[in-house]
Amino acid sequence: MMNKMPQFVCADETAFANELYMSYDQIKLMKRSGMYFGIHGYEHYWFERLTAEQYTSEIGQALDVLEKVIDRENWIFCYPYGSYSGVLIDYCASIGCKAGFTSEVRVADLAEDNPLLLPRLDTNDYPPKSDQYMRFRKQ
């Protein structure tokens, strides 16, 4: 059997990454067009497993990378894997985080939910992967 190169993934990792991820120029264009950016960590760790020193470094690095598109006094965080702790929430609030998204699947109730513990609808909850979105449709 012949070893065949996949049709959509090339062997050149840099070329593949350039095709898959946004460039900084694309991010700046989106920001100028009204897009709001938040962070998801720098290296995508389970935050509840990190020490205070580790998560402060991880968040700081993520904010530094996006310095030109993030307002450090008003930013949002989507917790990787939905992983967070009470001390992490307190720390994020103390350094300007205004909203945090968990991996709980439901529509947020902005009058009731803690803004740093908001549920969300993930793209995996929609077709073709799932029909979970049907649970949230208004009747």
C-alpha atoms as a PDB file:
ATOM      1  CA  MET A   1       0.000   0.000   0.000  1.00  0.00           C
ATOM      2  CA  MET A   2       1.369   3.399  -0.978  1.00  0.00           C
ATOM      3  CA  ASN A   3       1.744   6.079   1.712  1.00  0.00           C
ATOM      4  CA  LYS A   4      -0.409   8.911   0.358  1.00  0.00           C
ATOM      5  CA  MET A   5      -0.361  12.561   1.522  1.00  0.00           C
ATOM      6  CA  PRO A   6      -3.737  13.667   2.952  1.00  0.00           C
ATOM      7  CA  GLN A   7      -5.731  15.845   0.584  1.00  0.00           C
ATOM      8  CA  PHE A   8      -6.301  18.777   2.952  1.00  0.00           C
ATOM      9  CA  VAL A   9      -3.251  18.729   5.230  1.00  0.00           C
ATOM     10  CA  CYS A  10       0.196  19.440   3.853  1.00  0.00           C
ATOM     11  CA  ALA A  11       3.482  18.289   5.367  1.00  0.00           C
ATOM     12  CA  ASP A  12       4.658  21.897   5.780  1.00  0.00           C
ATOM     13  CA  GLU A  13       3.536  22.758   9.323  1.00  0.00           C
ATOM     14  CA  THR A  14       4.090  26.505   8.864  1.00  0.00           C
ATOM     15  CA  ALA A  15       2.017  26.619   5.677  1.00  0.00           C
ATOM     16  CA  PHE A  16      -0.723  24.595   7.365  1.00  0.00           C
ATOM     17  CA  ALA A  17      -0.749  26.928  10.417  1.00  0.00           C
ATOM     18  CA  ASN A  18      -0.868  29.993   8.147  1.00  0.00           C
ATOM     19  CA  GLU A  19      -3.941  28.541   6.461  1.00  0.00           C
ATOM     20  CA  LEU A  20      -5.628  27.435   9.712  1.00  0.00           C
ATOM     21  CA  TYR A  21      -4.996  30.398  12.034  1.00  0.00           C
ATOM     22  CA  MET A  22      -5.695  34.103  11.643  1.00  0.00           C
ATOM     23  CA  SER A  23      -2.834  36.455  10.975  1.00  0.00           C
ATOM     24  CA  TYR A  24      -2.302  39.487  13.184  1.00  0.00           C
ATOM     25  CA  ASP A  25      -3.426  41.698  10.279  1.00  0.00           C
ATOM     26  CA  GLN A  26      -6.692  39.729  10.072  1.00  0.00           C
ATOM     27  CA  ILE A  27      -7.203  40.127  13.836  1.00  0.00           C
ATOM     28  CA  LYS A  28      -6.611  43.897  13.616  1.00  0.00           C
ATOM     29  CA  LEU A  29      -9.098  44.153  10.722  1.00  0.00           C
ATOM     30  CA  MET A  30     -11.718  42.267  12.734  1.00  0.00           C
ATOM     31  CA  LYS A  31     -11.119  44.567  15.726  1.00  0.00           C
ATOM     32  CA  ARG A  32     -11.523  47.682  13.538  1.00  0.00           C
ATOM     33  CA  SER A  33     -14.748  46.156  12.193  1.00  0.00           C
ATOM     34  CA  GLY A  34     -16.245  45.839  15.685  1.00  0.00           C
ATOM     35  CA  MET A  35     -15.210  42.329  16.775  1.00  0.00           C
ATOM     36  CA  TYR A  36     -14.553  41.895  20.487  1.00  0.00           C
ATOM     37  CA  PHE A  37     -11.737  39.565  21.533  1.00  0.00           C
ATOM     38  CA  GLY A  38     -11.140  37.736  24.777  1.00  0.00           C
ATOM     39  CA  ILE A  39      -8.540  35.274  25.968  1.00  0.00           C
ATOM     40  CA  HIS A  40      -8.482  31.513  26.328  1.00  0.00           C
ATOM     41  CA  GLY A  41      -5.140  31.263  28.090  1.00  0.00           C
ATOM     42  CA  TYR A  42      -1.693  31.178  26.552  1.00  0.00           C
ATOM     43  CA  GLU A  43      -1.028  27.437  26.439  1.00  0.00           C
ATOM     44  CA  HIS A  44      -4.579  26.127  27.032  1.00  0.00           C
ATOM     45  CA  TYR A  45      -4.097  24.573  30.483  1.00  0.00           C
ATOM     46  CA  TRP A  46      -6.702  23.219  32.881  1.00  0.00           C
ATOM     47  CA  PHE A  47      -6.701  26.309  35.115  1.00  0.00           C
ATOM     48  CA  GLU A  48      -8.026  24.614  38.251  1.00  0.00           C
ATOM     49  CA  ARG A  49      -4.837  22.496  38.237  1.00  0.00           C
ATOM     50  CA  LEU A  50      -2.458  25.477  38.181  1.00  0.00           C
ATOM     51  CA  THR A  51      -0.847  27.263  41.086  1.00  0.00           C
ATOM     52  CA  ALA A  52      -1.495  30.984  41.541  1.00  0.00           C
ATOM     53  CA  GLU A  53       1.950  31.715  40.095  1.00  0.00           C
ATOM     54  CA  GLN A  54       1.222  29.549  37.045  1.00  0.00           C
ATOM     55  CA  TYR A  55      -2.203  30.981  36.255  1.00  0.00           C
ATOM     56  CA  THR A  56      -1.105  34.585  36.737  1.00  0.00           C
ATOM     57  CA  SER A  57       1.745  33.972  34.286  1.00  0.00           C
ATOM     58  CA  GLU A  58      -0.558  32.144  31.851  1.00  0.00           C
ATOM     59  CA  ILE A  59      -3.169  34.927  31.869  1.00  0.00           C
ATOM     60  CA  GLY A  60      -0.524  37.654  31.723  1.00  0.00           C
ATOM     61  CA  GLN A  61       1.102  36.062  28.676  1.00  0.00           C
ATOM     62  CA  ALA A  62      -2.250  35.721  26.906  1.00  0.00           C
ATOM     63  CA  LEU A  63      -3.109  39.367  27.587  1.00  0.00           C
ATOM     64  CA  ASP A  64       0.369  40.459  26.467  1.00  0.00           C
ATOM     65  CA  VAL A  65       0.041  38.630  23.140  1.00  0.00           C
ATOM     66  CA  LEU A  66      -3.270  40.337  22.420  1.00  0.00           C
ATOM     67  CA  GLU A  67      -2.282  43.689  23.952  1.00  0.00           C
ATOM     68  CA  LYS A  68      -3.303  45.636  20.842  1.00  0.00           C
ATOM     69  CA  VAL A  69      -6.774  44.092  20.593  1.00  0.00           C
ATOM     70  CA  ILE A  70      -7.665  43.555  24.273  1.00  0.00           C
ATOM     71  CA  ASP A  71      -8.710  46.296  26.656  1.00  0.00           C
ATOM     72  CA  ARG A  72      -6.862  45.185  29.811  1.00  0.00           C
ATOM     73  CA  GLU A  73      -9.485  46.918  31.972  1.00  0.00           C
ATOM     74  CA  ASN A  74     -12.430  45.165  30.249  1.00  0.00           C
ATOM     75  CA  TRP A  75     -11.663  41.716  28.891  1.00  0.00           C
ATOM     76  CA  ILE A  76     -13.363  38.351  28.748  1.00  0.00           C
ATOM     77  CA  PHE A  77     -12.104  34.841  29.417  1.00  0.00           C
ATOM     78  CA  CYS A  78     -13.303  31.515  28.078  1.00  0.00           C
ATOM     79  CA  TYR A  79     -11.958  28.962  30.573  1.00  0.00           C
ATOM     80  CA  PRO A  80     -10.122  26.164  28.725  1.00  0.00           C
ATOM     81  CA  TYR A  81     -12.016  22.900  29.205  1.00  0.00           C
ATOM     82  CA  GLY A  82     -14.404  24.861  31.440  1.00  0.00           C
ATOM     83  CA  SER A  83     -11.712  24.606  34.143  1.00  0.00           C
ATOM     84  CA  TYR A  84     -11.711  27.314  36.826  1.00  0.00           C
ATOM     85  CA  SER A  85     -11.645  27.795  40.590  1.00  0.00           C
ATOM     86  CA  GLY A  86     -12.963  30.401  42.989  1.00  0.00           C
ATOM     87  CA  VAL A  87      -9.527  31.955  43.511  1.00  0.00           C
ATOM     88  CA  LEU A  88      -9.023  32.134  39.731  1.00  0.00           C
ATOM     89  CA  ILE A  89     -12.382  33.921  39.342  1.00  0.00           C
ATOM     90  CA  ASP A  90     -11.409  36.410  42.069  1.00  0.00           C
ATOM     91  CA  TYR A  91      -8.010  37.009  40.467  1.00  0.00           C
ATOM     92  CA  CYS A  92      -9.500  37.556  36.999  1.00  0.00           C
ATOM     93  CA  ALA A  93     -12.031  40.049  38.391  1.00  0.00           C
ATOM     94  CA  SER A  94      -9.246  41.923  40.192  1.00  0.00           C
ATOM     95  CA  ILE A  95      -7.290  42.480  36.957  1.00  0.00           C
ATOM     96  CA  GLY A  96     -10.105  43.597  34.664  1.00  0.00           C
ATOM     97  CA  CYS A  97     -11.983  40.485  33.542  1.00  0.00           C
ATOM     98  CA  LYS A  98     -15.647  41.389  33.056  1.00  0.00           C
ATOM     99  CA  ALA A  99     -17.054  38.072  31.809  1.00  0.00           C
ATOM    100  CA  GLY A 100     -16.024  34.439  31.958  1.00  0.00           C
ATOM    101  CA  PHE A 101     -17.445  31.562  29.952  1.00  0.00           C
ATOM    102  CA  THR A 102     -17.652  28.039  31.345  1.00  0.00           C
ATOM    103  CA  SER A 103     -18.370  24.872  29.371  1.00  0.00           C
ATOM    104  CA  GLU A 104     -21.870  24.532  30.867  1.00  0.00           C
ATOM    105  CA  VAL A 105     -24.267  24.182  27.936  1.00  0.00           C
ATOM    106  CA  ARG A 106     -27.289  26.439  28.247  1.00  0.00           C
ATOM    107  CA  VAL A 107     -28.480  29.920  27.416  1.00  0.00           C
ATOM    108  CA  ALA A 108     -27.162  32.492  29.891  1.00  0.00           C
ATOM    109  CA  ASP A 109     -29.598  34.393  32.066  1.00  0.00           C
ATOM    110  CA  LEU A 110     -27.864  37.759  32.388  1.00  0.00           C
ATOM    111  CA  ALA A 111     -30.171  38.786  35.227  1.00  0.00           C
ATOM    112  CA  GLU A 112     -29.299  35.716  37.305  1.00  0.00           C
ATOM    113  CA  ASP A 113     -25.921  34.289  36.225  1.00  0.00           C
ATOM    114  CA  ASN A 114     -22.609  35.409  37.672  1.00  0.00           C
ATOM    115  CA  PRO A 115     -20.952  37.308  34.788  1.00  0.00           C
ATOM    116  CA  LEU A 116     -17.693  35.433  35.468  1.00  0.00           C
ATOM    117  CA  LEU A 117     -19.447  32.043  35.263  1.00  0.00           C
ATOM    118  CA  LEU A 118     -21.570  32.290  32.148  1.00  0.00           C
ATOM    119  CA  PRO A 119     -22.764  29.165  30.349  1.00  0.00           C
ATOM    120  CA  ARG A 120     -22.453  29.004  26.585  1.00  0.00           C
ATOM    121  CA  LEU A 121     -23.542  27.182  23.487  1.00  0.00           C
ATOM    122  CA  ASP A 122     -20.570  25.511  21.849  1.00  0.00           C
ATOM    123  CA  THR A 123     -20.248  25.047  18.093  1.00  0.00           C
ATOM    124  CA  ASN A 124     -20.204  21.300  18.817  1.00  0.00           C
ATOM    125  CA  ASP A 125     -23.819  21.611  20.007  1.00  0.00           C
ATOM    126  CA  TYR A 126     -24.969  22.342  16.456  1.00  0.00           C
ATOM    127  CA  PRO A 127     -25.345  20.174  13.340  1.00  0.00           C
ATOM    128  CA  PRO A 128     -23.806  18.151  11.972  1.00  0.00           C
ATOM    129  CA  LYS A 129     -22.189  17.105  15.290  1.00  0.00           C
ATOM    130  CA  SER A 130     -25.223  17.473  17.553  1.00  0.00           C
ATOM    131  CA  ASP A 131     -28.783  18.668  17.798  1.00  0.00           C
ATOM    132  CA  GLN A 132     -28.343  19.987  21.364  1.00  0.00           C
ATOM    133  CA  TYR A 133     -29.275  23.472  20.175  1.00  0.00           C
ATOM    134  CA  MET A 134     -32.865  22.260  19.842  1.00  0.00           C
ATOM    135  CA  ARG A 135     -33.123  22.198  23.662  1.00  0.00           C
ATOM    136  CA  PHE A 136     -32.704  25.977  23.689  1.00  0.00           C
ATOM    137  CA  ARG A 137     -35.140  27.016  20.962  1.00  0.00           C
ATOM    138  CA  LYS A 138     -37.968  29.247  22.106  1.00  0.00           C
ATOM    139  CA  GLN A 139     -41.363  27.662  21.695  1.00  0.00           C
END
